[in-house]
Amino acid sequence: MAQTIVKFDRRFQMWEYSVGHSQLLLRSVKDQKNPTRVDVYFKGVAALNMPTLFHGLQVSEVGEDQWRSLKVDFGARNLIEQKFFKVTGDGWQGWVVAYVVFSHEDDGEYNTESKFCNLRFGR
């Protein structure tokens, strides 16, 4: 059974991806309905399949038996310790294969650095 890790009912977009450290940052900025900003950070990304702009976000870790049944081709990557995260939103379903996912909600502005910036790019 999938375990839900992150769930938000708001608009998100792919904010940043770093090839060198295989890190993905999804962000939901403040708006009239949401007075806070949300960052969702995946570390050690091996593969992903999701839209770049979407509403609603739910991230669940699924077991190996579930993702193997999808027959996903990960190319040249050797998945040793990565986990399979099912990622869904309003009207779509995707996935991210990574070591870990974190989320953080704060009052940061549109371009204020993420709480995770010290984990990215060796900062």
PDB file of N, CA and C in Angstrom:
ATOM      1  N   MET A   1       0.837  -1.181   0.000  1.00  0.00           N
ATOM      2  CA  MET A   1       0.000   0.000   0.000  1.00  0.00           C
ATOM      3  C   MET A   1       0.885   1.248   0.000  1.00  0.00           C
ATOM      4  N   ALA A   2       0.487   2.244  -0.778  1.00  0.00           N
ATOM      5  CA  ALA A   2       1.254   3.483  -0.888  1.00  0.00           C
ATOM      6  C   ALA A   2       1.074   4.332   0.368  1.00  0.00           C
ATOM      7  N   GLN A   3       2.169   4.925   0.816  1.00  0.00           N
ATOM      8  CA  GLN A   3       2.152   5.800   1.981  1.00  0.00           C
ATOM      9  C   GLN A   3       2.272   7.246   1.496  1.00  0.00           C
ATOM     10  N   THR A   4       1.251   8.086   1.792  1.00  0.00           N
ATOM     11  CA  THR A   4       1.285   9.487   1.380  1.00  0.00           C
ATOM     12  C   THR A   4       2.284  10.258   2.240  1.00  0.00           C
ATOM     13  N   ILE A   5       3.184  10.987   1.572  1.00  0.00           N
ATOM     14  CA  ILE A   5       4.229  11.747   2.239  1.00  0.00           C
ATOM     15  C   ILE A   5       3.922  13.238   2.192  1.00  0.00           C
ATOM     16  N   VAL A   6       3.442  13.698   1.042  1.00  0.00           N
ATOM     17  CA  VAL A   6       3.163  15.111   0.804  1.00  0.00           C
ATOM     18  C   VAL A   6       1.799  15.230   0.150  1.00  0.00           C
ATOM     19  N   LYS A   7       1.000  16.214   0.604  1.00  0.00           N
ATOM     20  CA  LYS A   7      -0.291  16.450  -0.043  1.00  0.00           C
ATOM     21  C   LYS A   7      -0.670  17.920   0.107  1.00  0.00           C
ATOM     22  N   PHE A   8      -0.910  18.581  -1.034  1.00  0.00           N
ATOM     23  CA  PHE A   8      -1.312  19.988  -1.055  1.00  0.00           C
ATOM     24  C   PHE A   8      -2.338  20.203  -2.157  1.00  0.00           C
ATOM     25  N   ASP A   9      -3.306  21.067  -1.895  1.00  0.00           N
ATOM     26  CA  ASP A   9      -4.316  21.425  -2.889  1.00  0.00           C
ATOM     27  C   ASP A   9      -4.040  22.852  -3.351  1.00  0.00           C
ATOM     28  N   ARG A  10      -3.029  22.988  -4.217  1.00  0.00           N
ATOM     29  CA  ARG A  10      -2.637  24.299  -4.721  1.00  0.00           C
ATOM     30  C   ARG A  10      -1.807  24.121  -5.980  1.00  0.00           C
ATOM     31  N   ARG A  11      -1.507  25.203  -6.653  1.00  0.00           N
ATOM     32  CA  ARG A  11      -0.768  25.156  -7.913  1.00  0.00           C
ATOM     33  C   ARG A  11       0.733  25.023  -7.652  1.00  0.00           C
ATOM     34  N   PHE A  12       1.386  24.117  -8.396  1.00  0.00           N
ATOM     35  CA  PHE A  12       2.823  23.886  -8.323  1.00  0.00           C
ATOM     36  C   PHE A  12       3.441  23.975  -9.713  1.00  0.00           C
ATOM     37  N   GLN A  13       4.751  24.165  -9.716  1.00  0.00           N
ATOM     38  CA  GLN A  13       5.484  24.059 -10.966  1.00  0.00           C
ATOM     39  C   GLN A  13       6.893  23.556 -10.684  1.00  0.00           C
ATOM     40  N   MET A  14       7.504  22.959 -11.716  1.00  0.00           N
ATOM     41  CA  MET A  14       8.907  22.580 -11.592  1.00  0.00           C
ATOM     42  C   MET A  14       9.681  23.874 -11.511  1.00  0.00           C
ATOM     43  N   TRP A  15      10.412  24.042 -10.443  1.00  0.00           N
ATOM     44  CA  TRP A  15      11.085  25.301 -10.187  1.00  0.00           C
ATOM     45  C   TRP A  15      12.559  25.243 -10.571  1.00  0.00           C
ATOM     46  N   GLU A  16      13.202  24.107 -10.265  1.00  0.00           N
ATOM     47  CA  GLU A  16      14.635  24.001 -10.501  1.00  0.00           C
ATOM     48  C   GLU A  16      15.031  22.533 -10.563  1.00  0.00           C
ATOM     49  N   TYR A  17      15.979  22.217 -11.462  1.00  0.00           N
ATOM     50  CA  TYR A  17      16.558  20.880 -11.527  1.00  0.00           C
ATOM     51  C   TYR A  17      18.068  21.028 -11.697  1.00  0.00           C
ATOM     52  N   SER A  18      18.822  20.282 -10.916  1.00  0.00           N
ATOM     53  CA  SER A  18      20.272  20.296 -11.004  1.00  0.00           C
ATOM     54  C   SER A  18      20.754  18.934 -11.471  1.00  0.00           C
ATOM     55  N   VAL A  19      21.400  18.917 -12.616  1.00  0.00           N
ATOM     56  CA  VAL A  19      21.909  17.669 -13.165  1.00  0.00           C
ATOM     57  C   VAL A  19      23.036  17.118 -12.301  1.00  0.00           C
ATOM     58  N   GLY A  20      23.952  17.979 -11.878  1.00  0.00           N
ATOM     59  CA  GLY A  20      25.129  17.549 -11.124  1.00  0.00           C
ATOM     60  C   GLY A  20      24.803  16.765  -9.866  1.00  0.00           C
ATOM     61  N   HIS A  21      23.768  17.163  -9.171  1.00  0.00           N
ATOM     62  CA  HIS A  21      23.389  16.470  -7.947  1.00  0.00           C
ATOM     63  C   HIS A  21      22.030  15.793  -8.061  1.00  0.00           C
ATOM     64  N   SER A  22      21.481  15.782  -9.271  1.00  0.00           N
ATOM     65  CA  SER A  22      20.196  15.111  -9.534  1.00  0.00           C
ATOM     66  C   SER A  22      19.130  15.519  -8.523  1.00  0.00           C
ATOM     67  N   GLN A  23      18.877  16.826  -8.442  1.00  0.00           N
ATOM     68  CA  GLN A  23      17.931  17.357  -7.470  1.00  0.00           C
ATOM     69  C   GLN A  23      16.812  18.109  -8.175  1.00  0.00           C
ATOM     70  N   LEU A  24      15.611  17.935  -7.692  1.00  0.00           N
ATOM     71  CA  LEU A  24      14.429  18.552  -8.282  1.00  0.00           C
ATOM     72  C   LEU A  24      13.695  19.343  -7.211  1.00  0.00           C
ATOM     73  N   LEU A  25      13.347  20.589  -7.535  1.00  0.00           N
ATOM     74  CA  LEU A  25      12.582  21.430  -6.627  1.00  0.00           C
ATOM     75  C   LEU A  25      11.266  21.804  -7.300  1.00  0.00           C
ATOM     76  N   LEU A  26      10.156  21.460  -6.651  1.00  0.00           N
ATOM     77  CA  LEU A  26       8.823  21.879  -7.065  1.00  0.00           C
ATOM     78  C   LEU A  26       8.417  23.002  -6.123  1.00  0.00           C
ATOM     79  N   ARG A  27       7.774  24.037  -6.658  1.00  0.00           N
ATOM     80  CA  ARG A  27       7.399  25.159  -5.803  1.00  0.00           C
ATOM     81  C   ARG A  27       5.971  25.604  -6.077  1.00  0.00           C
ATOM     82  N   SER A  28       5.291  25.961  -4.991  1.00  0.00           N
ATOM     83  CA  SER A  28       3.996  26.626  -5.034  1.00  0.00           C
ATOM     84  C   SER A  28       4.188  27.973  -4.355  1.00  0.00           C
ATOM     85  N   VAL A  29       4.022  29.049  -5.115  1.00  0.00           N
ATOM     86  CA  VAL A  29       4.248  30.388  -4.567  1.00  0.00           C
ATOM     87  C   VAL A  29       2.989  30.912  -3.885  1.00  0.00           C
ATOM     88  N   LYS A  30       3.177  31.963  -3.114  1.00  0.00           N
ATOM     89  CA  LYS A  30       2.046  32.624  -2.455  1.00  0.00           C
ATOM     90  C   LYS A  30       1.084  33.162  -3.515  1.00  0.00           C
ATOM     91  N   ASP A  31      -0.194  33.184  -3.160  1.00  0.00           N
ATOM     92  CA  ASP A  31      -1.188  33.839  -4.010  1.00  0.00           C
ATOM     93  C   ASP A  31      -2.321  34.327  -3.113  1.00  0.00           C
ATOM     94  N   GLN A  32      -3.408  34.808  -3.701  1.00  0.00           N
ATOM     95  CA  GLN A  32      -4.503  35.353  -2.893  1.00  0.00           C
ATOM     96  C   GLN A  32      -5.139  34.302  -1.996  1.00  0.00           C
ATOM     97  N   LYS A  33      -5.136  33.074  -2.447  1.00  0.00           N
ATOM     98  CA  LYS A  33      -5.756  31.985  -1.686  1.00  0.00           C
ATOM     99  C   LYS A  33      -4.796  31.350  -0.670  1.00  0.00           C
ATOM    100  N   ASN A  34      -3.498  31.390  -0.976  1.00  0.00           N
ATOM    101  CA  ASN A  34      -2.483  30.727  -0.146  1.00  0.00           C
ATOM    102  C   ASN A  34      -1.448  31.741   0.328  1.00  0.00           C
ATOM    103  N   PRO A  35      -1.427  32.066   1.625  1.00  0.00           N
ATOM    104  CA  PRO A  35      -0.506  33.077   2.138  1.00  0.00           C
ATOM    105  C   PRO A  35       0.921  32.562   2.371  1.00  0.00           C
ATOM    106  N   THR A  36       1.168  31.298   2.056  1.00  0.00           N
ATOM    107  CA  THR A  36       2.489  30.707   2.268  1.00  0.00           C
ATOM    108  C   THR A  36       3.050  30.173   0.950  1.00  0.00           C
ATOM    109  N   ARG A  37       4.326  29.848   0.983  1.00  0.00           N
ATOM    110  CA  ARG A  37       5.019  29.223  -0.140  1.00  0.00           C
ATOM    111  C   ARG A  37       5.361  27.799   0.271  1.00  0.00           C
ATOM    112  N   VAL A  38       5.294  26.861  -0.679  1.00  0.00           N
ATOM    113  CA  VAL A  38       5.630  25.464  -0.401  1.00  0.00           C
ATOM    114  C   VAL A  38       6.707  25.007  -1.377  1.00  0.00           C
ATOM    115  N   ASP A  39       7.773  24.388  -0.858  1.00  0.00           N
ATOM    116  CA  ASP A  39       8.805  23.756  -1.669  1.00  0.00           C
ATOM    117  C   ASP A  39       8.780  22.257  -1.411  1.00  0.00           C
ATOM    118  N   VAL A  40       8.841  21.485  -2.483  1.00  0.00           N
ATOM    119  CA  VAL A  40       8.951  20.030  -2.395  1.00  0.00           C
ATOM    120  C   VAL A  40      10.243  19.671  -3.121  1.00  0.00           C
ATOM    121  N   TYR A  41      11.136  18.990  -2.417  1.00  0.00           N
ATOM    122  CA  TYR A  41      12.505  18.764  -2.874  1.00  0.00           C
ATOM    123  C   TYR A  41      12.806  17.266  -2.952  1.00  0.00           C
ATOM    124  N   PHE A  42      13.215  16.819  -4.141  1.00  0.00           N
ATOM    125  CA  PHE A  42      13.630  15.427  -4.357  1.00  0.00           C
ATOM    126  C   PHE A  42      15.139  15.413  -4.526  1.00  0.00           C
ATOM    127  N   LYS A  43      15.815  14.505  -3.831  1.00  0.00           N
ATOM    128  CA  LYS A  43      17.276  14.384  -3.925  1.00  0.00           C
ATOM    129  C   LYS A  43      17.641  13.029  -4.524  1.00  0.00           C
ATOM    130  N   GLY A  44      18.639  13.035  -5.401  1.00  0.00           N
ATOM    131  CA  GLY A  44      19.080  11.795  -6.042  1.00  0.00           C
ATOM    132  C   GLY A  44      18.099  11.303  -7.085  1.00  0.00           C
ATOM    133  N   VAL A  45      17.578  12.206  -7.903  1.00  0.00           N
ATOM    134  CA  VAL A  45      16.573  11.854  -8.911  1.00  0.00           C
ATOM    135  C   VAL A  45      17.217  11.037 -10.023  1.00  0.00           C
ATOM    136  N   ALA A  46      16.658   9.857 -10.278  1.00  0.00           N
ATOM    137  CA  ALA A  46      17.139   8.994 -11.352  1.00  0.00           C
ATOM    138  C   ALA A  46      16.250   9.097 -12.585  1.00  0.00           C
ATOM    139  N   ALA A  47      14.962   9.370 -12.379  1.00  0.00           N
ATOM    140  CA  ALA A  47      14.013   9.461 -13.489  1.00  0.00           C
ATOM    141  C   ALA A  47      12.763  10.157 -12.993  1.00  0.00           C
ATOM    142  N   LEU A  48      12.048  10.787 -13.930  1.00  0.00           N
ATOM    143  CA  LEU A  48      10.782  11.408 -13.550  1.00  0.00           C
ATOM    144  C   LEU A  48       9.859  11.474 -14.745  1.00  0.00           C
ATOM    145  N   ASN A  49       8.576  11.541 -14.440  1.00  0.00           N
ATOM    146  CA  ASN A  49       7.529  11.641 -15.454  1.00  0.00           C
ATOM    147  C   ASN A  49       6.399  12.443 -14.830  1.00  0.00           C
ATOM    148  N   MET A  50       6.348  13.737 -15.170  1.00  0.00           N
ATOM    149  CA  MET A  50       5.318  14.600 -14.616  1.00  0.00           C
ATOM    150  C   MET A  50       5.245  15.888 -15.416  1.00  0.00           C
ATOM    151  N   PRO A  51       4.115  16.601 -15.330  1.00  0.00           N
ATOM    152  CA  PRO A  51       4.025  17.888 -16.027  1.00  0.00           C
ATOM    153  C   PRO A  51       4.867  18.942 -15.322  1.00  0.00           C
ATOM    154  N   THR A  52       5.123  20.045 -16.003  1.00  0.00           N
ATOM    155  CA  THR A  52       5.926  21.111 -15.414  1.00  0.00           C
ATOM    156  C   THR A  52       5.085  22.133 -14.661  1.00  0.00           C
ATOM    157  N   LEU A  53       3.793  22.176 -14.903  1.00  0.00           N
ATOM    158  CA  LEU A  53       2.873  23.081 -14.227  1.00  0.00           C
ATOM    159  C   LEU A  53       1.589  22.314 -13.955  1.00  0.00           C
ATOM    160  N   PHE A  54       1.098  22.361 -12.712  1.00  0.00           N
ATOM    161  CA  PHE A  54      -0.055  21.534 -12.364  1.00  0.00           C
ATOM    162  C   PHE A  54      -0.727  22.049 -11.106  1.00  0.00           C
ATOM    163  N   HIS A  55      -1.958  21.610 -10.887  1.00  0.00           N
ATOM    164  CA  HIS A  55      -2.692  21.950  -9.665  1.00  0.00           C
ATOM    165  C   HIS A  55      -2.866  20.682  -8.844  1.00  0.00           C
ATOM    166  N   GLY A  56      -2.667  20.815  -7.546  1.00  0.00           N
ATOM    167  CA  GLY A  56      -2.765  19.668  -6.648  1.00  0.00           C
ATOM    168  C   GLY A  56      -1.497  18.855  -6.700  1.00  0.00           C
ATOM    169  N   LEU A  57      -1.065  18.385  -5.540  1.00  0.00           N
ATOM    170  CA  LEU A  57       0.136  17.551  -5.483  1.00  0.00           C
ATOM    171  C   LEU A  57       0.008  16.569  -4.345  1.00  0.00           C
ATOM    172  N   GLN A  58       0.149  15.303  -4.692  1.00  0.00           N
ATOM    173  CA  GLN A  58       0.220  14.250  -3.687  1.00  0.00           C
ATOM    174  C   GLN A  58       1.387  13.357  -4.054  1.00  0.00           C
ATOM    175  N   VAL A  59       2.283  13.134  -3.093  1.00  0.00           N
ATOM    176  CA  VAL A  59       3.446  12.279  -3.290  1.00  0.00           C
ATOM    177  C   VAL A  59       3.323  11.106  -2.341  1.00  0.00           C
ATOM    178  N   SER A  60       3.395   9.897  -2.894  1.00  0.00           N
ATOM    179  CA  SER A  60       3.301   8.668  -2.101  1.00  0.00           C
ATOM    180  C   SER A  60       4.443   7.749  -2.484  1.00  0.00           C
ATOM    181  N   GLU A  61       5.052   7.125  -1.488  1.00  0.00           N
ATOM    182  CA  GLU A  61       6.071   6.121  -1.779  1.00  0.00           C
ATOM    183  C   GLU A  61       5.377   4.802  -2.037  1.00  0.00           C
ATOM    184  N   VAL A  62       5.738   4.144  -3.138  1.00  0.00           N
ATOM    185  CA  VAL A  62       5.138   2.854  -3.467  1.00  0.00           C
ATOM    186  C   VAL A  62       6.214   1.784  -3.462  1.00  0.00           C
ATOM    187  N   GLY A  63       5.800   0.561  -3.231  1.00  0.00           N
ATOM    188  CA  GLY A  63       6.721  -0.565  -3.162  1.00  0.00           C
ATOM    189  C   GLY A  63       7.248  -0.974  -4.520  1.00  0.00           C
ATOM    190  N   GLU A  64       8.347  -1.713  -4.505  1.00  0.00           N
ATOM    191  CA  GLU A  64       8.994  -2.155  -5.735  1.00  0.00           C
ATOM    192  C   GLU A  64       8.053  -2.966  -6.611  1.00  0.00           C
ATOM    193  N   ASP A  65       7.223  -3.810  -6.005  1.00  0.00           N
ATOM    194  CA  ASP A  65       6.302  -4.622  -6.795  1.00  0.00           C
ATOM    195  C   ASP A  65       5.338  -3.753  -7.598  1.00  0.00           C
ATOM    196  N   GLN A  66       4.910  -2.622  -7.032  1.00  0.00           N
ATOM    197  CA  GLN A  66       3.986  -1.739  -7.728  1.00  0.00           C
ATOM    198  C   GLN A  66       4.650  -1.025  -8.902  1.00  0.00           C
ATOM    199  N   TRP A  67       5.876  -0.498  -8.713  1.00  0.00           N
ATOM    200  CA  TRP A  67       6.481   0.236  -9.814  1.00  0.00           C
ATOM    201  C   TRP A  67       7.061  -0.695 -10.869  1.00  0.00           C
ATOM    202  N   ARG A  68       7.489  -1.859 -10.489  1.00  0.00           N
ATOM    203  CA  ARG A  68       7.982  -2.814 -11.497  1.00  0.00           C
ATOM    204  C   ARG A  68       6.863  -3.233 -12.443  1.00  0.00           C
ATOM    205  N   SER A  69       5.630  -3.272 -11.946  1.00  0.00           N
ATOM    206  CA  SER A  69       4.497  -3.651 -12.804  1.00  0.00           C
ATOM    207  C   SER A  69       4.219  -2.594 -13.880  1.00  0.00           C
ATOM    208  N   LEU A  70       4.724  -1.364 -13.699  1.00  0.00           N
ATOM    209  CA  LEU A  70       4.539  -0.310 -14.694  1.00  0.00           C
ATOM    210  C   LEU A  70       5.488  -0.453 -15.885  1.00  0.00           C
ATOM    211  N   LYS A  71       6.496  -1.316 -15.745  1.00  0.00           N
ATOM    212  CA  LYS A  71       7.491  -1.559 -16.790  1.00  0.00           C
ATOM    213  C   LYS A  71       8.135  -0.260 -17.267  1.00  0.00           C
ATOM    214  N   VAL A  72       8.563   0.561 -16.316  1.00  0.00           N
ATOM    215  CA  VAL A  72       9.202   1.828 -16.608  1.00  0.00           C
ATOM    216  C   VAL A  72      10.659   1.584 -17.002  1.00  0.00           C
ATOM    217  N   ASP A  73      11.104   2.204 -18.091  1.00  0.00           N
ATOM    218  CA  ASP A  73      12.486   2.083 -18.543  1.00  0.00           C
ATOM    219  C   ASP A  73      13.292   3.224 -17.944  1.00  0.00           C
ATOM    220  N   PHE A  74      14.285   2.909 -17.131  1.00  0.00           N
ATOM    221  CA  PHE A  74      15.105   3.917 -16.479  1.00  0.00           C
ATOM    222  C   PHE A  74      16.403   4.181 -17.226  1.00  0.00           C
ATOM    223  N   GLY A  75      16.525   3.705 -18.440  1.00  0.00           N
ATOM    224  CA  GLY A  75      17.710   3.967 -19.244  1.00  0.00           C
ATOM    225  C   GLY A  75      18.946   3.346 -18.630  1.00  0.00           C
ATOM    226  N   ALA A  76      20.036   4.107 -18.633  1.00  0.00           N
ATOM    227  CA  ALA A  76      21.324   3.596 -18.164  1.00  0.00           C
ATOM    228  C   ALA A  76      21.472   3.641 -16.649  1.00  0.00           C
ATOM    229  N   ARG A  77      20.512   4.201 -15.946  1.00  0.00           N
ATOM    230  CA  ARG A  77      20.621   4.329 -14.488  1.00  0.00           C
ATOM    231  C   ARG A  77      20.475   2.972 -13.806  1.00  0.00           C
ATOM    232  N   ASN A  78      21.304   2.747 -12.814  1.00  0.00           N
ATOM    233  CA  ASN A  78      21.212   1.554 -11.989  1.00  0.00           C
ATOM    234  C   ASN A  78      20.550   1.970 -10.681  1.00  0.00           C
ATOM    235  N   LEU A  79      19.344   1.506 -10.453  1.00  0.00           N
ATOM    236  CA  LEU A  79      18.592   1.904  -9.270  1.00  0.00           C
ATOM    237  C   LEU A  79      18.962   1.005  -8.104  1.00  0.00           C
ATOM    238  N   ILE A  80      19.819   1.512  -7.238  1.00  0.00           N
ATOM    239  CA  ILE A  80      20.282   0.710  -6.108  1.00  0.00           C
ATOM    240  C   ILE A  80      19.518   1.062  -4.844  1.00  0.00           C
ATOM    241  N   GLU A  81      19.518   2.330  -4.462  1.00  0.00           N
ATOM    242  CA  GLU A  81      18.869   2.731  -3.220  1.00  0.00           C
ATOM    243  C   GLU A  81      17.696   3.685  -3.432  1.00  0.00           C
ATOM    244  N   GLN A  82      17.407   4.031  -4.691  1.00  0.00           N
ATOM    245  CA  GLN A  82      16.332   4.976  -4.943  1.00  0.00           C
ATOM    246  C   GLN A  82      14.975   4.366  -4.624  1.00  0.00           C
ATOM    247  N   LYS A  83      14.040   5.252  -4.335  1.00  0.00           N
ATOM    248  CA  LYS A  83      12.661   4.867  -4.052  1.00  0.00           C
ATOM    249  C   LYS A  83      11.783   5.357  -5.192  1.00  0.00           C
ATOM    250  N   PHE A  84      10.645   4.742  -5.337  1.00  0.00           N
ATOM    251  CA  PHE A  84       9.697   5.129  -6.377  1.00  0.00           C
ATOM    252  C   PHE A  84       8.574   5.920  -5.722  1.00  0.00           C
ATOM    253  N   PHE A  85       8.408   7.180  -6.144  1.00  0.00           N
ATOM    254  CA  PHE A  85       7.375   8.047  -5.608  1.00  0.00           C
ATOM    255  C   PHE A  85       6.298   8.272  -6.663  1.00  0.00           C
ATOM    256  N   LYS A  86       5.093   7.863  -6.366  1.00  0.00           N
ATOM    257  CA  LYS A  86       3.948   8.153  -7.220  1.00  0.00           C
ATOM    258  C   LYS A  86       3.568   9.603  -6.957  1.00  0.00           C
ATOM    259  N   VAL A  87       3.440  10.381  -8.022  1.00  0.00           N
ATOM    260  CA  VAL A  87       3.143  11.805  -7.909  1.00  0.00           C
ATOM    261  C   VAL A  87       1.870  12.075  -8.701  1.00  0.00           C
ATOM    262  N   THR A  88       0.851  12.608  -8.031  1.00  0.00           N
ATOM    263  CA  THR A  88      -0.417  12.851  -8.700  1.00  0.00           C
ATOM    264  C   THR A  88      -0.922  14.254  -8.397  1.00  0.00           C
ATOM    265  N   GLY A  89      -1.822  14.709  -9.235  1.00  0.00           N
ATOM    266  CA  GLY A  89      -2.477  15.993  -9.062  1.00  0.00           C
ATOM    267  C   GLY A  89      -3.845  15.936  -9.719  1.00  0.00           C
ATOM    268  N   ASP A  90      -4.458  17.084  -9.900  1.00  0.00           N
ATOM    269  CA  ASP A  90      -5.776  17.135 -10.509  1.00  0.00           C
ATOM    270  C   ASP A  90      -5.689  16.733 -11.986  1.00  0.00           C
ATOM    271  N   GLY A  91      -6.192  15.551 -12.303  1.00  0.00           N
ATOM    272  CA  GLY A  91      -6.255  15.085 -13.687  1.00  0.00           C
ATOM    273  C   GLY A  91      -4.974  14.533 -14.266  1.00  0.00           C
ATOM    274  N   TRP A  92      -3.996  14.205 -13.465  1.00  0.00           N
ATOM    275  CA  TRP A  92      -2.759  13.617 -13.986  1.00  0.00           C
ATOM    276  C   TRP A  92      -2.119  12.700 -12.943  1.00  0.00           C
ATOM    277  N   GLN A  93      -1.262  11.816 -13.442  1.00  0.00           N
ATOM    278  CA  GLN A  93      -0.513  10.905 -12.575  1.00  0.00           C
ATOM    279  C   GLN A  93       0.875  10.735 -13.162  1.00  0.00           C
ATOM    280  N   GLY A  94       1.886  10.810 -12.325  1.00  0.00           N
ATOM    281  CA  GLY A  94       3.254  10.626 -12.765  1.00  0.00           C
ATOM    282  C   GLY A  94       4.077   9.969 -11.680  1.00  0.00           C
ATOM    283  N   TRP A  95       5.393  10.104 -11.761  1.00  0.00           N
ATOM    284  CA  TRP A  95       6.267   9.491 -10.781  1.00  0.00           C
ATOM    285  C   TRP A  95       7.638  10.159 -10.780  1.00  0.00           C
ATOM    286  N   VAL A  96       8.347   9.987  -9.674  1.00  0.00           N
ATOM    287  CA  VAL A  96       9.737  10.416  -9.537  1.00  0.00           C
ATOM    288  C   VAL A  96      10.477   9.286  -8.838  1.00  0.00           C
ATOM    289  N   VAL A  97      11.625   8.922  -9.375  1.00  0.00           N
ATOM    290  CA  VAL A  97      12.494   7.942  -8.732  1.00  0.00           C
ATOM    291  C   VAL A  97      13.652   8.729  -8.123  1.00  0.00           C
ATOM    292  N   ALA A  98      13.786   8.663  -6.798  1.00  0.00           N
ATOM    293  CA  ALA A  98      14.800   9.452  -6.093  1.00  0.00           C
ATOM    294  C   ALA A  98      15.145   8.769  -4.772  1.00  0.00           C
ATOM    295  N   TYR A  99      16.182   9.279  -4.116  1.00  0.00           N
ATOM    296  CA  TYR A  99      16.543   8.736  -2.798  1.00  0.00           C
ATOM    297  C   TYR A  99      15.539   9.156  -1.732  1.00  0.00           C
ATOM    298  N   VAL A 100      15.124  10.437  -1.792  1.00  0.00           N
ATOM    299  CA  VAL A 100      14.300  10.963  -0.711  1.00  0.00           C
ATOM    300  C   VAL A 100      13.518  12.175  -1.202  1.00  0.00           C
ATOM    301  N   VAL A 101      12.426  12.497  -0.505  1.00  0.00           N
ATOM    302  CA  VAL A 101      11.653  13.706  -0.778  1.00  0.00           C
ATOM    303  C   VAL A 101      11.389  14.425   0.544  1.00  0.00           C
ATOM    304  N   PHE A 102      11.474  15.755   0.510  1.00  0.00           N
ATOM    305  CA  PHE A 102      11.186  16.600   1.667  1.00  0.00           C
ATOM    306  C   PHE A 102      10.235  17.704   1.225  1.00  0.00           C
ATOM    307  N   SER A 103       9.474  18.252   2.176  1.00  0.00           N
ATOM    308  CA  SER A 103       8.662  19.426   1.872  1.00  0.00           C
ATOM    309  C   SER A 103       8.831  20.445   2.991  1.00  0.00           C
ATOM    310  N   HIS A 104       8.611  21.712   2.624  1.00  0.00           N
ATOM    311  CA  HIS A 104       8.733  22.792   3.592  1.00  0.00           C
ATOM    312  C   HIS A 104       7.783  23.914   3.198  1.00  0.00           C
ATOM    313  N   GLU A 105       7.027  24.407   4.182  1.00  0.00           N
ATOM    314  CA  GLU A 105       6.107  25.515   3.958  1.00  0.00           C
ATOM    315  C   GLU A 105       6.581  26.703   4.788  1.00  0.00           C
ATOM    316  N   ASP A 106       6.664  27.879   4.156  1.00  0.00           N
ATOM    317  CA  ASP A 106       7.136  29.068   4.861  1.00  0.00           C
ATOM    318  C   ASP A 106       6.492  30.316   4.272  1.00  0.00           C
ATOM    319  N   ASP A 107       6.939  31.484   4.724  1.00  0.00           N
ATOM    320  CA  ASP A 107       6.383  32.737   4.221  1.00  0.00           C
ATOM    321  C   ASP A 107       7.329  33.405   3.231  1.00  0.00           C
ATOM    322  N   GLY A 108       8.226  32.631   2.631  1.00  0.00           N
ATOM    323  CA  GLY A 108       9.178  33.156   1.659  1.00  0.00           C
ATOM    324  C   GLY A 108       8.489  33.749   0.437  1.00  0.00           C
ATOM    325  N   GLU A 109       9.178  34.690  -0.179  1.00  0.00           N
ATOM    326  CA  GLU A 109       8.659  35.340  -1.369  1.00  0.00           C
ATOM    327  C   GLU A 109       8.991  34.518  -2.618  1.00  0.00           C
ATOM    328  N   TYR A 110       8.523  34.995  -3.748  1.00  0.00           N
ATOM    329  CA  TYR A 110       8.661  34.300  -5.031  1.00  0.00           C
ATOM    330  C   TYR A 110      10.099  33.844  -5.288  1.00  0.00           C
ATOM    331  N   ASN A 111      11.055  34.740  -5.165  1.00  0.00           N
ATOM    332  CA  ASN A 111      12.447  34.407  -5.479  1.00  0.00           C
ATOM    333  C   ASN A 111      13.346  34.213  -4.264  1.00  0.00           C
ATOM    334  N   THR A 112      12.776  34.165  -3.068  1.00  0.00           N
ATOM    335  CA  THR A 112      13.578  33.902  -1.884  1.00  0.00           C
ATOM    336  C   THR A 112      14.129  32.481  -1.971  1.00  0.00           C
ATOM    337  N   GLU A 113      15.389  32.301  -1.591  1.00  0.00           N
ATOM    338  CA  GLU A 113      15.985  30.966  -1.655  1.00  0.00           C
ATOM    339  C   GLU A 113      15.192  29.962  -0.837  1.00  0.00           C
ATOM    340  N   SER A 114      15.200  28.757  -1.306  1.00  0.00           N
ATOM    341  CA  SER A 114      14.528  27.658  -0.633  1.00  0.00           C
ATOM    342  C   SER A 114      15.274  27.263   0.642  1.00  0.00           C
ATOM    343  N   LYS A 115      14.549  26.718   1.594  1.00  0.00           N
ATOM    344  CA  LYS A 115      15.156  26.130   2.793  1.00  0.00           C
ATOM    345  C   LYS A 115      16.179  25.068   2.386  1.00  0.00           C
ATOM    346  N   PHE A 116      15.964  24.471   1.227  1.00  0.00           N
ATOM    347  CA  PHE A 116      16.820  23.383   0.764  1.00  0.00           C
ATOM    348  C   PHE A 116      18.035  23.870  -0.018  1.00  0.00           C
ATOM    349  N   CYS A 117      18.239  25.186  -0.135  1.00  0.00           N
ATOM    350  CA  CYS A 117      19.343  25.690  -0.956  1.00  0.00           C
ATOM    351  C   CYS A 117      20.695  25.210  -0.442  1.00  0.00           C
ATOM    352  N   ASN A 118      20.835  25.000   0.865  1.00  0.00           N
ATOM    353  CA  ASN A 118      22.112  24.507   1.390  1.00  0.00           C
ATOM    354  C   ASN A 118      22.355  23.044   1.032  1.00  0.00           C
ATOM    355  N   LEU A 119      21.322  22.340   0.608  1.00  0.00           N
ATOM    356  CA  LEU A 119      21.472  20.950   0.181  1.00  0.00           C
ATOM    357  C   LEU A 119      21.789  20.859  -1.314  1.00  0.00           C
ATOM    358  N   ARG A 120      21.544  21.955  -2.027  1.00  0.00           N
ATOM    359  CA  ARG A 120      21.709  21.978  -3.472  1.00  0.00           C
ATOM    360  C   ARG A 120      23.029  22.647  -3.852  1.00  0.00           C
ATOM    361  N   PHE A 121      23.610  22.188  -4.911  1.00  0.00           N
ATOM    362  CA  PHE A 121      24.751  22.830  -5.546  1.00  0.00           C
ATOM    363  C   PHE A 121      25.931  23.062  -4.603  1.00  0.00           C
ATOM    364  N   GLY A 122      25.995  22.312  -3.525  1.00  0.00           N
ATOM    365  CA  GLY A 122      27.117  22.433  -2.607  1.00  0.00           C
ATOM    366  C   GLY A 122      27.161  23.745  -1.838  1.00  0.00           C
ATOM    367  N   ARG A 123      26.047  24.479  -1.783  1.00  0.00           N
ATOM    368  CA  ARG A 123      26.020  25.765  -1.058  1.00  0.00           C
ATOM    369  C   ARG A 123      26.056  25.544   0.426  1.00  0.00           C
TER     370      ARG A 123
END
